[in-house]
């Protein structure tokens, strides 16, 4: 294990906002980066809360935060996932990536310039999750905190186009109206405390800013622009590092 600190980078945001796409692009750009998915820490189906007669997979009560925090602590100590840890997330197809790896590498070369290879030996864990910043213990563990957003209509269309999700005990498909009844209200309820006047389409408030949360300025950004923004934030945060 390296004596250097491993970077823990959080990428959060509502369902279908591009979290996994951005996380996977980061692993393509940084050789020693790997992903930890919050979705691997859902509780068993019998423990998922029920709202309006529907299983609510988009509430804080659906996530085993104690287990997630424990694994992140393990990663901080050992710089790798626990032995035998298997993610089910690779079974979930999120569509063709809107940015190719070569396009992403070109964006990184343009932004990083002479520092392009300085982070090749930097170990980092990208934590991908829809609810990373409402648990204080979890929030404190990140070295960089990214919050993606998007237009409601676009995220709803993406979510409803998906076939479903692998779970601990099988496979979940959203019933009709699930985004409007469960997903979006759950996101708003769990994130409104981070925004002025509770408006999740508005500006971050002082609490969020003081906690180091960074969010995109526009709700209608292409993934290539989001990647450029995220890499700029990364370089501003960790740019003092050298080989």
Protein backbone atom coordinates (compact mmCIF):
# COMPACT_ATOMS: atom_id res chain seq x y z
CA UNK A 1 0.00 0.00 0.00
CA UNK A 2 1.21 3.49 -0.85
CA UNK A 3 2.04 5.94 1.91
CA UNK A 4 0.10 8.58 0.00
CA UNK A 5 -3.50 9.31 0.91
CA UNK A 6 -6.15 7.84 -1.35
CA UNK A 7 -8.59 10.45 -2.64
CA UNK A 8 -12.27 9.85 -1.95
CA UNK A 9 -14.43 11.69 -4.50
CA UNK A 10 -18.20 11.82 -4.17
CA UNK A 11 -20.39 12.11 -7.27
CA UNK A 12 -24.00 12.54 -6.26
CA UNK A 13 -27.24 13.81 -7.76
CA UNK A 14 -30.74 12.68 -8.68
CA UNK A 15 -31.45 9.46 -10.54
CA UNK A 16 -30.38 9.58 -14.21
CA UNK A 17 -28.35 12.79 -13.83
CA UNK A 18 -25.17 11.18 -15.23
CA UNK A 19 -23.40 10.07 -12.04
CA UNK A 20 -22.31 6.64 -13.24
CA UNK A 21 -21.31 7.95 -16.65
CA UNK A 22 -19.06 10.59 -15.07
CA UNK A 23 -17.64 8.10 -12.56
CA UNK A 24 -16.77 5.64 -15.31
CA UNK A 25 -15.13 8.38 -17.38
CA UNK A 26 -12.98 9.25 -14.36
CA UNK A 27 -11.81 5.65 -14.10
CA UNK A 28 -10.92 5.73 -17.81
CA UNK A 29 -8.87 8.91 -17.29
CA UNK A 30 -7.12 8.07 -14.02
CA UNK A 31 -5.36 4.67 -14.06
CA UNK A 32 -5.61 4.06 -10.31
CA UNK A 33 -9.23 5.10 -9.84
CA UNK A 34 -12.05 2.69 -9.01
CA UNK A 35 -15.75 3.07 -8.22
CA UNK A 36 -17.77 2.31 -5.11
CA UNK A 37 -21.52 2.38 -5.81
CA UNK A 38 -23.93 3.48 -3.10
CA UNK A 39 -26.55 1.30 -4.80
CA UNK A 40 -24.64 -1.74 -3.53
CA UNK A 41 -25.72 -0.72 -0.02
CA UNK A 42 -29.47 -0.94 -0.35
CA UNK A 43 -31.08 -2.82 2.52
CA UNK A 44 -32.84 -6.15 1.87
CA UNK A 45 -36.18 -5.78 0.13
CA UNK A 46 -38.10 -6.64 3.30
CA UNK A 47 -36.57 -3.55 4.98
CA UNK A 48 -37.33 -1.08 2.19
CA UNK A 49 -39.90 1.47 3.41
CA UNK A 50 -43.28 1.69 1.71
CA UNK A 51 -44.83 4.97 0.56
CA UNK A 52 -48.29 5.23 -1.01
CA UNK A 53 -48.31 1.46 -1.40
CA UNK A 54 -44.97 1.42 -3.27
CA UNK A 55 -41.52 0.31 -2.15
CA UNK A 56 -39.50 3.48 -1.69
CA UNK A 57 -35.96 2.75 -2.89
CA UNK A 58 -35.21 6.49 -3.06
CA UNK A 59 -35.37 7.35 0.64
CA UNK A 60 -32.50 7.55 3.15
CA UNK A 61 -34.09 4.69 5.08
CA UNK A 62 -33.46 2.38 2.10
CA UNK A 63 -29.66 2.75 2.38
CA UNK A 64 -27.42 0.99 4.90
CA UNK A 65 -25.28 4.04 5.66
CA UNK A 66 -23.44 2.28 8.48
CA UNK A 67 -22.17 -0.38 6.06
CA UNK A 68 -21.27 2.23 3.42
CA UNK A 69 -19.31 4.31 5.93
CA UNK A 70 -17.52 1.18 7.13
CA UNK A 71 -16.41 0.23 3.62
CA UNK A 72 -15.17 3.76 2.89
CA UNK A 73 -13.15 3.68 6.12
CA UNK A 74 -11.69 0.35 4.97
CA UNK A 75 -10.77 1.87 1.60
CA UNK A 76 -9.11 4.84 3.30
CA UNK A 77 -7.00 2.43 5.32
CA UNK A 78 -6.16 -0.18 2.66
CA UNK A 79 -6.63 1.70 -0.64
CA UNK A 80 -8.79 -1.07 -2.10
CA UNK A 81 -12.23 -2.67 -1.83
CA UNK A 82 -12.78 -5.36 0.82
CA UNK A 83 -11.77 -8.83 -0.27
CA UNK A 84 -14.68 -10.60 -1.93
CA UNK A 85 -16.69 -7.40 -2.41
CA UNK A 86 -18.73 -7.77 -5.60
CA UNK A 87 -20.77 -4.97 -7.13
CA UNK A 88 -24.05 -5.70 -8.86
CA UNK A 89 -23.97 -2.35 -10.64
CA UNK A 90 -22.14 -3.64 -13.70
CA UNK A 91 -25.33 -5.60 -14.41
CA UNK A 92 -27.26 -2.35 -14.82
CA UNK A 93 -27.07 -0.94 -18.34
CA UNK A 94 -27.33 2.87 -18.37
CA UNK A 95 -27.26 3.36 -22.13
CA UNK A 96 -24.51 4.20 -24.58
CA UNK A 97 -22.08 6.78 -23.12
CA UNK A 98 -22.54 10.24 -24.68
CA UNK A 99 -18.76 10.81 -24.53
CA UNK A 100 -16.18 8.35 -25.85
CA UNK A 101 -13.06 7.57 -23.86
CA UNK A 102 -10.90 9.23 -26.52
CA UNK A 103 -13.04 12.37 -26.40
CA UNK A 104 -12.70 12.38 -22.62
CA UNK A 105 -8.93 12.00 -22.84
CA UNK A 106 -8.74 14.94 -25.21
CA UNK A 107 -10.74 17.07 -22.76
CA UNK A 108 -8.38 16.06 -19.94
CA UNK A 109 -5.26 16.81 -22.04
CA UNK A 110 -6.60 20.26 -22.88
CA UNK A 111 -7.43 21.11 -19.27
CA UNK A 112 -4.45 19.53 -17.51
CA UNK A 113 -1.79 20.47 -20.04
CA UNK A 114 1.65 19.69 -18.66
CA UNK A 115 0.04 18.15 -15.56
CA UNK A 116 -1.80 15.53 -17.63
CA UNK A 117 0.28 12.61 -16.35
CA UNK A 118 0.85 13.97 -12.83
CA UNK A 119 -2.10 12.00 -11.45
CA UNK A 120 -1.38 8.65 -13.09
CA UNK A 121 -0.13 7.25 -9.78
CA UNK A 122 -2.82 8.91 -7.65
CA UNK A 123 -5.12 6.38 -6.06
CA UNK A 124 -8.73 7.45 -5.87
CA UNK A 125 -12.09 5.96 -5.04
CA UNK A 126 -15.06 7.46 -6.85
CA UNK A 127 -18.20 7.05 -4.73
CA UNK A 128 -21.26 7.11 -6.99
CA UNK A 129 -24.56 7.61 -5.19
CA UNK A 130 -27.88 9.41 -5.30
CA UNK A 131 -27.77 10.29 -1.60
CA UNK A 132 -24.26 11.08 -0.39
CA UNK A 133 -24.62 14.50 1.20
CA UNK A 134 -27.46 14.16 3.69
CA UNK A 135 -25.56 11.86 6.07
CA UNK A 136 -23.09 13.98 8.06
CA UNK A 137 -20.70 11.13 8.78
CA UNK A 138 -20.57 10.18 5.11
CA UNK A 139 -20.27 13.79 3.95
CA UNK A 140 -17.14 14.27 6.05
CA UNK A 141 -15.27 11.45 4.31
CA UNK A 142 -14.98 13.05 0.87
CA UNK A 143 -12.00 15.01 -0.42
CA UNK A 144 -14.14 16.39 -3.26
CA UNK A 145 -17.93 16.61 -3.46
CA UNK A 146 -19.68 16.83 -6.85
CA UNK A 147 -23.44 17.24 -7.15
CA UNK A 148 -24.87 16.73 -10.62
CA UNK A 149 -28.28 18.05 -11.63
CA UNK A 150 -30.44 18.12 -14.72
CA UNK A 151 -33.79 19.05 -16.15
CA UNK A 152 -36.66 17.14 -14.58
CA UNK A 153 -38.12 16.12 -17.94
CA UNK A 154 -34.83 14.76 -19.23
CA UNK A 155 -34.07 12.76 -16.07
CA UNK A 156 -37.61 11.35 -16.01
CA UNK A 157 -37.29 10.23 -19.64
CA UNK A 158 -33.92 8.57 -18.95
CA UNK A 159 -35.19 6.77 -15.86
CA UNK A 160 -38.32 5.50 -17.58
CA UNK A 161 -36.27 4.26 -20.55
CA UNK A 162 -34.30 1.89 -18.34
CA UNK A 163 -35.25 -1.76 -18.16
CA UNK A 164 -34.75 -1.99 -14.41
CA UNK A 165 -32.13 -2.57 -11.73
CA UNK A 166 -30.38 -5.57 -10.23
CA UNK A 167 -31.02 -5.86 -6.49
CA UNK A 168 -29.71 -8.07 -3.70
CA UNK A 169 -32.57 -10.48 -4.23
CA UNK A 170 -33.45 -10.17 -7.88
CA UNK A 171 -34.48 -7.43 -10.26
CA UNK A 172 -36.51 -4.25 -9.79
CA UNK A 173 -38.61 -2.53 -12.44
CA UNK A 174 -40.22 0.81 -11.74
CA UNK A 175 -44.02 0.57 -11.74
CA UNK A 176 -45.93 3.20 -13.76
CA UNK A 177 -45.65 6.69 -12.28
CA UNK A 178 -42.77 5.75 -9.99
CA UNK A 179 -40.59 8.71 -10.94
CA UNK A 180 -43.29 11.25 -10.12
CA UNK A 181 -44.53 9.47 -6.99
CA UNK A 182 -41.27 8.29 -5.42
CA UNK A 183 -38.03 9.21 -7.22
CA UNK A 184 -38.32 12.96 -7.73
CA UNK A 185 -40.12 13.78 -4.44
CA UNK A 186 -37.51 11.69 -2.63
CA UNK A 187 -34.66 13.63 -4.23
CA UNK A 188 -36.25 16.98 -3.39
CA UNK A 189 -36.97 15.98 0.21
CA UNK A 190 -33.39 14.75 0.79
CA UNK A 191 -31.61 17.67 -0.91
CA UNK A 192 -33.69 20.81 -0.39
CA UNK A 193 -31.65 21.62 2.73
CA UNK A 194 -28.66 22.28 0.43
CA UNK A 195 -30.37 25.00 -1.64
CA UNK A 196 -31.59 28.53 -1.10
CA UNK A 197 -35.30 28.50 -0.25
CA UNK A 198 -35.29 24.72 -0.71
CA UNK A 199 -35.32 25.10 -4.50
CA UNK A 200 -33.29 22.18 -5.88
CA UNK A 201 -33.18 23.90 -9.29
CA UNK A 202 -31.67 27.04 -7.74
CA UNK A 203 -28.42 28.01 -6.05
CA UNK A 204 -26.57 26.14 -3.33
CA UNK A 205 -26.92 27.73 0.09
CA UNK A 206 -24.17 28.65 2.54
CA UNK A 207 -24.45 25.29 4.32
CA UNK A 208 -23.71 23.36 1.13
CA UNK A 209 -20.92 25.71 0.07
CA UNK A 210 -19.28 25.56 3.51
CA UNK A 211 -19.36 21.77 3.26
CA UNK A 212 -17.42 21.90 0.00
CA UNK A 213 -20.23 20.77 -2.30
CA UNK A 214 -19.77 21.78 -5.95
CA UNK A 215 -22.66 21.72 -8.42
CA UNK A 216 -23.05 22.42 -12.11
CA UNK A 217 -24.23 25.91 -13.03
CA UNK A 218 -26.72 24.78 -15.67
CA UNK A 219 -29.46 22.15 -15.60
CA UNK A 220 -28.99 21.40 -19.30
CA UNK A 221 -25.33 20.51 -19.78
CA UNK A 222 -24.03 17.83 -22.14
CA UNK A 223 -21.88 15.18 -20.48
CA UNK A 224 -18.80 16.48 -22.27
CA UNK A 225 -19.36 19.88 -20.66
CA UNK A 226 -20.01 18.26 -17.28
CA UNK A 227 -16.76 16.33 -17.61
CA UNK A 228 -14.87 19.51 -18.46
CA UNK A 229 -16.39 21.27 -15.45
CA UNK A 230 -15.59 18.34 -13.13
CA UNK A 231 -11.98 18.07 -14.34
CA UNK A 232 -11.49 21.80 -13.82
CA UNK A 233 -12.82 21.43 -10.27
CA UNK A 234 -10.51 18.46 -9.73
CA UNK A 235 -7.47 20.40 -10.95
CA UNK A 236 -8.35 23.40 -8.78
CA UNK A 237 -8.70 21.13 -5.75
CA UNK A 238 -5.69 18.83 -6.22
CA UNK A 239 -3.54 20.67 -8.76
CA UNK A 240 -0.63 21.13 -6.38
CA UNK A 241 0.10 17.40 -6.62
CA UNK A 242 3.10 16.36 -8.69
CA UNK A 243 4.47 13.04 -9.85
